[in-house]
N, C-alpha and C. Protein backbone atom coordinates (compact mmCIF):
# COMPACT_ATOMS: atom_id res chain seq x y z
N MET A 1 43.07 13.82 8.00
CA MET A 1 44.48 14.19 7.55
C MET A 1 45.44 14.01 8.47
N LYS A 2 46.66 13.55 8.27
CA LYS A 2 47.75 13.28 9.36
C LYS A 2 48.12 14.77 9.49
N GLN A 3 48.43 14.80 10.74
CA GLN A 3 49.09 16.02 11.24
C GLN A 3 50.70 16.03 11.03
N SER A 4 51.18 17.19 10.67
CA SER A 4 52.69 17.17 10.51
C SER A 4 53.34 17.18 11.81
N TRP A 5 54.45 16.52 11.92
CA TRP A 5 55.44 16.50 12.99
C TRP A 5 55.81 18.03 13.50
N TYR A 6 55.93 18.78 12.45
CA TYR A 6 56.37 20.19 12.64
C TYR A 6 55.26 21.06 13.20
N VAL A 7 54.03 20.88 13.57
CA VAL A 7 52.91 21.56 13.79
C VAL A 7 53.17 22.60 15.06
N GLY A 8 54.11 22.33 15.74
CA GLY A 8 54.52 23.28 16.69
C GLY A 8 55.57 24.32 16.08
N GLY A 9 56.04 24.19 14.79
CA GLY A 9 56.81 25.16 14.33
C GLY A 9 58.30 24.66 14.38
N LEU A 10 59.37 25.23 13.64
CA LEU A 10 60.84 24.78 13.59
C LEU A 10 61.61 26.20 13.50
N HIS A 11 62.77 25.95 14.16
CA HIS A 11 63.69 27.06 14.52
C HIS A 11 64.61 27.05 13.24
N PHE A 12 64.83 28.22 12.57
CA PHE A 12 65.90 28.56 11.67
C PHE A 12 66.39 29.86 11.46
N GLU A 13 67.58 30.07 11.26
CA GLU A 13 68.34 31.32 11.36
C GLU A 13 69.50 31.10 10.58
N CYS A 14 69.52 32.01 9.35
CA CYS A 14 70.54 31.73 8.20
C CYS A 14 71.85 32.26 8.98
N VAL A 15 72.78 31.66 8.96
CA VAL A 15 74.04 31.94 9.49
C VAL A 15 75.02 32.59 8.45
N GLY A 16 74.65 32.79 7.22
CA GLY A 16 75.51 32.93 5.87
C GLY A 16 76.82 32.04 5.81
N CYS A 17 76.57 31.00 5.98
CA CYS A 17 77.71 29.86 5.92
C CYS A 17 77.79 29.70 4.41
N GLY A 18 76.75 29.60 3.50
CA GLY A 18 76.74 29.39 2.12
C GLY A 18 76.75 27.69 1.94
N ASN A 19 76.66 26.88 2.92
CA ASN A 19 76.61 25.64 2.73
C ASN A 19 75.40 24.96 1.93
N CYS A 20 74.33 25.71 2.04
CA CYS A 20 73.18 25.40 1.07
C CYS A 20 73.36 25.67 -0.23
N CYS A 21 74.40 26.59 -0.64
CA CYS A 21 74.89 26.79 -2.10
C CYS A 21 76.05 25.92 -2.60
N ALA A 22 76.57 25.12 -1.84
CA ALA A 22 77.85 24.59 -1.87
C ALA A 22 77.93 23.05 -2.13
N GLY A 23 79.00 22.56 -2.85
CA GLY A 23 79.15 21.23 -3.08
C GLY A 23 79.12 20.42 -1.56
N PRO A 24 79.97 19.37 -1.55
CA PRO A 24 81.02 18.71 -2.53
C PRO A 24 80.37 18.10 -3.45
N ASP A 25 79.07 17.81 -3.67
CA ASP A 25 78.26 16.87 -4.60
C ASP A 25 77.67 17.76 -5.54
N GLU A 26 77.50 17.25 -6.78
CA GLU A 26 77.04 17.92 -7.84
C GLU A 26 75.35 18.01 -7.43
N GLY A 27 74.70 19.08 -7.85
CA GLY A 27 73.18 19.25 -7.62
C GLY A 27 72.44 19.96 -8.71
N TYR A 28 71.36 20.20 -8.39
CA TYR A 28 70.52 21.08 -9.23
C TYR A 28 70.11 22.22 -8.38
N ILE A 29 70.26 23.65 -9.29
CA ILE A 29 69.53 24.84 -8.92
C ILE A 29 68.51 25.08 -9.53
N TRP A 30 67.35 24.69 -9.51
CA TRP A 30 66.18 24.73 -10.67
C TRP A 30 65.85 26.16 -10.54
N ILE A 31 65.66 26.38 -11.86
CA ILE A 31 65.56 27.79 -12.19
C ILE A 31 64.23 28.00 -13.38
N THR A 32 63.27 28.68 -13.12
CA THR A 32 62.22 28.80 -14.17
C THR A 32 62.36 29.63 -15.36
N THR A 33 61.73 29.60 -16.34
CA THR A 33 61.94 30.48 -17.53
C THR A 33 61.65 32.03 -17.00
N ARG A 34 60.63 32.17 -16.10
CA ARG A 34 60.49 33.53 -15.59
C ARG A 34 61.47 34.13 -14.88
N GLU A 35 62.20 33.19 -13.83
CA GLU A 35 63.22 33.40 -13.00
C GLU A 35 64.62 33.76 -13.86
N ILE A 36 64.67 33.13 -14.99
CA ILE A 36 65.81 33.21 -15.96
C ILE A 36 65.58 34.69 -16.41
N ALA A 37 64.46 35.22 -16.75
CA ALA A 37 64.29 36.40 -17.28
C ALA A 37 64.65 37.63 -15.97
N CYS A 38 64.14 37.41 -15.02
CA CYS A 38 64.39 38.07 -13.68
C CYS A 38 66.14 38.11 -13.64
N LEU A 39 66.71 37.22 -13.74
CA LEU A 39 68.18 37.14 -13.62
C LEU A 39 68.77 37.82 -14.98
N ALA A 40 68.31 37.79 -16.00
CA ALA A 40 68.90 38.42 -17.08
C ALA A 40 68.70 40.02 -16.88
N GLU A 41 67.66 40.37 -16.37
CA GLU A 41 67.34 41.62 -16.36
C GLU A 41 68.30 42.31 -15.18
N HIS A 42 68.31 41.61 -14.17
CA HIS A 42 69.28 41.90 -13.01
C HIS A 42 70.60 42.18 -13.40
N LEU A 43 71.17 41.27 -14.44
CA LEU A 43 72.47 41.30 -14.87
C LEU A 43 72.75 42.23 -15.89
N GLY A 44 71.74 42.73 -16.54
CA GLY A 44 72.00 43.66 -17.61
C GLY A 44 72.19 42.89 -18.90
N MET A 45 71.86 41.52 -19.02
CA MET A 45 72.01 40.60 -20.06
C MET A 45 70.87 40.24 -20.77
N THR A 46 71.04 39.71 -22.03
CA THR A 46 69.75 39.17 -22.71
C THR A 46 69.49 37.92 -21.99
N VAL A 47 68.28 37.24 -22.10
CA VAL A 47 67.88 36.13 -21.62
C VAL A 47 68.86 34.85 -22.40
N GLU A 48 69.05 35.03 -23.72
CA GLU A 48 69.77 34.09 -24.44
C GLU A 48 71.38 34.24 -23.91
N ALA A 49 71.72 35.15 -23.52
CA ALA A 49 73.21 35.33 -23.09
C ALA A 49 73.26 34.65 -21.69
N VAL A 50 72.27 34.98 -20.68
CA VAL A 50 72.27 34.42 -19.47
C VAL A 50 72.21 32.69 -19.64
N ARG A 51 71.31 32.35 -20.42
CA ARG A 51 71.07 30.74 -20.69
C ARG A 51 72.43 30.19 -21.00
N GLN A 52 73.30 31.05 -22.07
CA GLN A 52 74.65 30.33 -22.46
C GLN A 52 75.50 30.34 -21.35
N LYS A 53 75.78 31.47 -20.54
CA LYS A 53 76.80 31.67 -19.54
C LYS A 53 76.46 30.92 -18.43
N TYR A 54 75.20 30.84 -17.81
CA TYR A 54 74.86 30.46 -16.52
C TYR A 54 73.83 29.28 -16.35
N ILE A 55 73.33 28.76 -17.42
CA ILE A 55 72.20 27.77 -17.28
C ILE A 55 72.52 26.67 -18.17
N ARG A 56 72.05 25.29 -17.43
CA ARG A 56 72.24 24.14 -18.33
C ARG A 56 70.85 23.37 -18.28
N ARG A 57 70.77 22.80 -19.16
CA ARG A 57 69.18 22.26 -19.53
C ARG A 57 69.45 20.81 -18.93
N VAL A 58 68.42 20.30 -18.17
CA VAL A 58 68.54 18.77 -17.41
C VAL A 58 67.16 18.53 -18.13
N GLY A 59 66.98 17.55 -18.93
CA GLY A 59 65.83 17.15 -19.43
C GLY A 59 64.79 18.38 -19.81
N LEU A 60 63.67 18.53 -19.29
CA LEU A 60 62.89 19.49 -19.53
C LEU A 60 62.78 20.94 -18.72
N ARG A 61 63.91 20.53 -17.71
CA ARG A 61 64.04 21.86 -16.88
C ARG A 61 65.46 22.41 -17.12
N HIS A 62 65.49 23.54 -16.24
CA HIS A 62 66.70 24.37 -16.17
C HIS A 62 67.41 24.33 -14.91
N SER A 63 68.87 24.36 -14.87
CA SER A 63 69.50 24.45 -13.49
C SER A 63 70.82 25.44 -13.75
N ILE A 64 70.88 26.19 -12.80
CA ILE A 64 72.07 27.11 -12.61
C ILE A 64 73.29 26.42 -12.73
N ILE A 65 74.29 26.69 -13.41
CA ILE A 65 75.55 25.90 -13.56
C ILE A 65 76.34 25.84 -12.02
N GLU A 66 77.33 25.00 -11.85
CA GLU A 66 78.05 24.98 -10.74
C GLU A 66 79.43 25.25 -11.20
N ASN A 67 80.24 25.57 -10.20
CA ASN A 67 81.65 25.67 -10.38
C ASN A 67 82.08 24.28 -10.60
N LYS A 68 83.00 23.98 -11.70
CA LYS A 68 83.36 22.59 -12.09
C LYS A 68 84.41 21.92 -10.82
N THR A 69 85.01 22.47 -10.07
CA THR A 69 85.75 22.08 -9.21
C THR A 69 85.07 21.80 -7.86
N THR A 70 84.48 22.90 -7.23
CA THR A 70 83.93 22.72 -6.09
C THR A 70 82.30 22.27 -5.86
N LYS A 71 81.72 22.28 -7.10
CA LYS A 71 80.39 22.00 -7.27
C LYS A 71 79.42 23.15 -6.44
N ASP A 72 79.92 24.26 -6.23
CA ASP A 72 79.09 25.32 -5.50
C ASP A 72 78.56 25.90 -6.67
N CYS A 73 77.32 26.80 -6.34
CA CYS A 73 76.65 27.35 -7.31
C CYS A 73 77.62 28.43 -7.61
N ILE A 74 77.46 28.80 -9.18
CA ILE A 74 78.45 29.71 -9.70
C ILE A 74 78.14 31.30 -9.22
N PHE A 75 76.92 31.46 -8.39
CA PHE A 75 76.70 32.73 -7.84
C PHE A 75 76.98 32.83 -6.58
N LEU A 76 77.52 31.72 -5.95
CA LEU A 76 78.04 31.84 -4.49
C LEU A 76 79.50 32.66 -4.42
N THR A 77 79.43 33.69 -3.58
CA THR A 77 80.51 34.55 -3.21
C THR A 77 81.32 34.47 -1.88
N ALA A 78 82.45 34.61 -2.01
CA ALA A 78 83.23 34.63 -0.78
C ALA A 78 83.04 35.80 -0.01
N GLY A 79 82.85 35.91 1.19
CA GLY A 79 82.47 37.01 2.07
C GLY A 79 83.43 37.23 3.13
N ARG A 80 83.18 38.23 3.94
CA ARG A 80 84.21 38.30 5.11
C ARG A 80 83.87 37.57 6.37
N GLU A 81 85.00 37.32 7.18
CA GLU A 81 84.60 36.68 8.34
C GLU A 81 83.96 35.16 8.06
N GLY A 82 84.38 34.68 7.25
CA GLY A 82 83.86 33.28 7.00
C GLY A 82 82.41 33.26 6.11
N CYS A 83 81.68 34.15 6.26
CA CYS A 83 80.31 34.24 5.58
C CYS A 83 80.50 34.27 4.02
N ARG A 84 79.37 33.48 3.30
CA ARG A 84 79.66 33.43 2.06
C ARG A 84 78.22 34.15 1.64
N GLY A 85 77.96 34.56 0.46
CA GLY A 85 76.69 35.18 -0.08
C GLY A 85 76.45 34.70 -1.37
N CYS A 86 75.14 35.43 -1.88
CA CYS A 86 74.82 35.20 -3.14
C CYS A 86 74.83 36.36 -3.96
N ALA A 87 75.55 36.17 -5.12
CA ALA A 87 75.66 37.55 -6.09
C ALA A 87 74.49 38.04 -6.82
N VAL A 88 73.34 37.13 -6.74
CA VAL A 88 72.01 37.55 -7.29
C VAL A 88 70.97 37.37 -6.37
N TYR A 89 71.35 37.65 -4.92
CA TYR A 89 70.40 37.31 -3.97
C TYR A 89 68.96 38.00 -4.13
N SER A 90 68.76 39.08 -4.60
CA SER A 90 67.50 39.78 -4.82
C SER A 90 66.71 38.93 -6.04
N VAL A 91 67.29 38.24 -6.80
CA VAL A 91 66.66 37.58 -7.84
C VAL A 91 66.94 35.99 -7.82
N ARG A 92 67.26 35.55 -6.87
CA ARG A 92 67.70 34.04 -6.50
C ARG A 92 66.41 33.25 -6.80
N PRO A 93 66.32 32.01 -7.37
CA PRO A 93 65.38 31.04 -7.71
C PRO A 93 64.51 30.84 -6.45
N ASN A 94 63.31 30.14 -6.84
CA ASN A 94 62.46 30.22 -5.66
C ASN A 94 62.90 28.65 -4.85
N GLN A 95 63.82 27.98 -5.63
CA GLN A 95 64.38 26.84 -4.74
C GLN A 95 65.35 27.31 -3.86
N CYS A 96 66.14 28.54 -3.77
CA CYS A 96 66.84 28.95 -2.98
C CYS A 96 66.10 29.57 -1.84
N ARG A 97 65.15 30.49 -2.44
CA ARG A 97 64.16 31.29 -1.29
C ARG A 97 63.52 30.53 -0.25
N THR A 98 63.28 29.09 -0.62
CA THR A 98 62.28 28.23 0.13
C THR A 98 63.12 27.33 1.06
N TRP A 99 64.50 27.39 1.13
CA TRP A 99 65.47 26.62 1.91
C TRP A 99 65.28 27.12 3.27
N PRO A 100 65.31 26.45 4.34
CA PRO A 100 65.41 24.89 4.39
C PRO A 100 63.91 24.11 4.27
N PHE A 101 62.87 24.91 4.16
CA PHE A 101 61.56 24.53 4.02
C PHE A 101 61.09 23.61 2.95
N TRP A 102 61.87 22.68 2.38
CA TRP A 102 61.90 21.93 1.43
C TRP A 102 60.95 20.58 1.67
N SER A 103 60.18 20.24 1.13
CA SER A 103 59.42 18.94 1.50
C SER A 103 60.19 17.62 1.70
N ASP A 104 61.30 17.53 1.29
CA ASP A 104 62.14 16.45 1.59
C ASP A 104 62.61 16.74 2.88
N ASN A 105 63.13 17.90 3.35
CA ASN A 105 63.67 18.33 4.74
C ASN A 105 62.55 18.26 5.71
N LEU A 106 61.45 18.27 5.32
CA LEU A 106 60.09 18.22 6.30
C LEU A 106 59.47 16.99 6.35
N GLY A 107 60.08 16.02 5.88
CA GLY A 107 59.43 14.61 5.68
C GLY A 107 59.48 13.99 6.97
N SER A 108 60.20 14.13 8.04
CA SER A 108 60.48 13.56 9.02
C SER A 108 61.51 14.24 10.07
N PRO A 109 61.28 14.12 11.37
CA PRO A 109 62.25 14.69 12.38
C PRO A 109 63.69 14.24 11.79
N ASP A 110 63.76 13.24 11.62
CA ASP A 110 65.27 12.86 10.95
C ASP A 110 65.63 13.40 9.72
N SER A 111 64.84 13.68 8.69
CA SER A 111 65.09 14.36 7.62
C SER A 111 65.58 15.85 7.94
N TRP A 112 64.64 16.49 8.54
CA TRP A 112 65.04 17.61 9.21
C TRP A 112 66.49 17.79 10.01
N ASN A 113 66.80 16.69 10.65
CA ASN A 113 67.89 16.97 11.65
C ASN A 113 69.24 16.45 10.72
N TYR A 114 68.94 15.72 9.47
CA TYR A 114 69.96 15.32 8.51
C TYR A 114 70.55 16.53 7.78
N ALA A 115 69.40 17.33 7.48
CA ALA A 115 69.82 18.67 6.79
C ALA A 115 70.45 19.60 7.52
N ALA A 116 70.15 19.65 8.94
CA ALA A 116 70.89 20.39 9.97
C ALA A 116 72.39 19.96 10.11
N VAL A 117 72.76 18.87 9.66
CA VAL A 117 74.23 18.52 9.51
C VAL A 117 74.96 19.24 8.81
N LYS A 118 74.30 19.61 7.66
CA LYS A 118 75.05 20.53 6.60
C LYS A 118 74.60 22.27 6.84
N CYS A 119 73.49 22.34 7.35
CA CYS A 119 73.06 23.65 7.66
C CYS A 119 73.19 24.20 9.03
N PRO A 120 74.16 24.89 9.66
CA PRO A 120 74.11 25.26 10.97
C PRO A 120 72.95 26.16 11.39
N GLY A 121 72.15 26.74 10.45
CA GLY A 121 71.04 27.45 11.01
C GLY A 121 69.96 26.86 11.19
N ILE A 122 69.81 25.57 10.94
CA ILE A 122 68.66 24.69 11.16
C ILE A 122 68.76 24.36 12.92
N ASN A 123 67.74 24.57 13.45
CA ASN A 123 67.20 24.25 14.65
C ASN A 123 67.94 25.42 15.76
N ARG A 124 68.20 26.60 15.20
CA ARG A 124 68.43 27.53 15.90
C ARG A 124 67.74 28.92 15.54
N GLY A 125 67.79 29.97 16.17
CA GLY A 125 67.27 31.18 15.77
C GLY A 125 65.83 31.50 16.09
N ARG A 126 65.03 32.07 15.19
CA ARG A 126 63.69 32.21 15.59
C ARG A 126 62.70 31.20 14.89
N LEU A 127 61.64 31.21 15.59
CA LEU A 127 60.91 30.06 15.34
C LEU A 127 59.66 30.32 14.31
N TYR A 128 59.73 29.73 13.19
CA TYR A 128 58.72 29.84 12.31
C TYR A 128 57.59 28.93 12.51
N PRO A 129 56.51 29.42 12.72
CA PRO A 129 55.18 28.70 12.98
C PRO A 129 54.96 27.72 11.57
N PHE A 130 53.98 26.91 12.07
CA PHE A 130 53.65 25.83 11.05
C PHE A 130 53.00 26.55 9.70
N ALA A 131 52.05 27.67 10.04
CA ALA A 131 51.50 28.16 8.73
C ALA A 131 52.58 28.82 8.00
N GLN A 132 53.58 29.45 8.55
CA GLN A 132 54.48 30.10 7.62
C GLN A 132 55.49 29.20 6.95
N ILE A 133 55.75 28.27 7.51
CA ILE A 133 56.53 27.12 7.03
C ILE A 133 55.87 26.57 5.79
N GLU A 134 54.70 26.23 5.97
CA GLU A 134 53.90 25.65 4.83
C GLU A 134 53.50 26.76 3.74
N ALA A 135 53.42 28.15 4.02
CA ALA A 135 53.67 28.94 2.91
C ALA A 135 54.75 29.05 2.30
N ILE A 136 55.78 29.17 3.01
CA ILE A 136 56.98 28.98 2.27
C ILE A 136 57.40 27.72 1.45
N ARG A 137 57.09 26.63 1.87
CA ARG A 137 57.24 25.40 1.30
C ARG A 137 56.33 25.34 0.08
N LYS A 138 55.20 26.09 0.01
CA LYS A 138 54.51 25.81 -1.17
C LYS A 138 54.51 27.10 -2.26
N GLN A 139 55.37 28.04 -1.70
CA GLN A 139 55.71 29.14 -2.64
C GLN A 139 56.20 28.55 -3.97
N LYS A 140 55.57 29.42 -5.00
CA LYS A 140 56.08 29.04 -6.27
C LYS A 140 56.46 30.38 -6.95
N LYS A 141 55.59 31.43 -7.01
CA LYS A 141 55.94 32.56 -7.74
C LYS A 141 56.44 33.68 -6.95
N TRP A 142 57.61 33.90 -6.67
CA TRP A 142 58.15 34.96 -5.68
C TRP A 142 58.04 36.22 -6.26
N TRP A 143 57.89 36.52 -7.65
CA TRP A 143 57.96 37.64 -8.43
C TRP A 143 56.71 38.35 -8.42
N MET A 144 55.76 37.80 -7.94
CA MET A 144 54.45 38.24 -7.98
C MET A 144 54.01 39.11 -6.96
């Protein structure tokens, strides 16, 4: 088995910039059926109401809608002192929970450093050891 380039770990510290949740390009914020149910419970809405107001279907999958103008996640909030946050942080989808340890970002040092152009928290802060990075990357069911 080929050894991963990040076997020594990687540094990451969320700085609250919200860039991971923001445009300028349209993207997808993948959300599972179970995560939609968690979101609905958190918002005090029915699953159907959440689907109608906040979710779009993309093929066989679902994505949280984005602001039509900015392409930011609809749940990205403006905070104080330049920080931004998530209005549904405690029930955010797995895709959000695993940032920046996505397989695409971990493909090579160049991929990791390309992600760092948008995310100022990459390559700073605490060291995540290899085993923890892999556990985060492979995580699927955070609600369990």
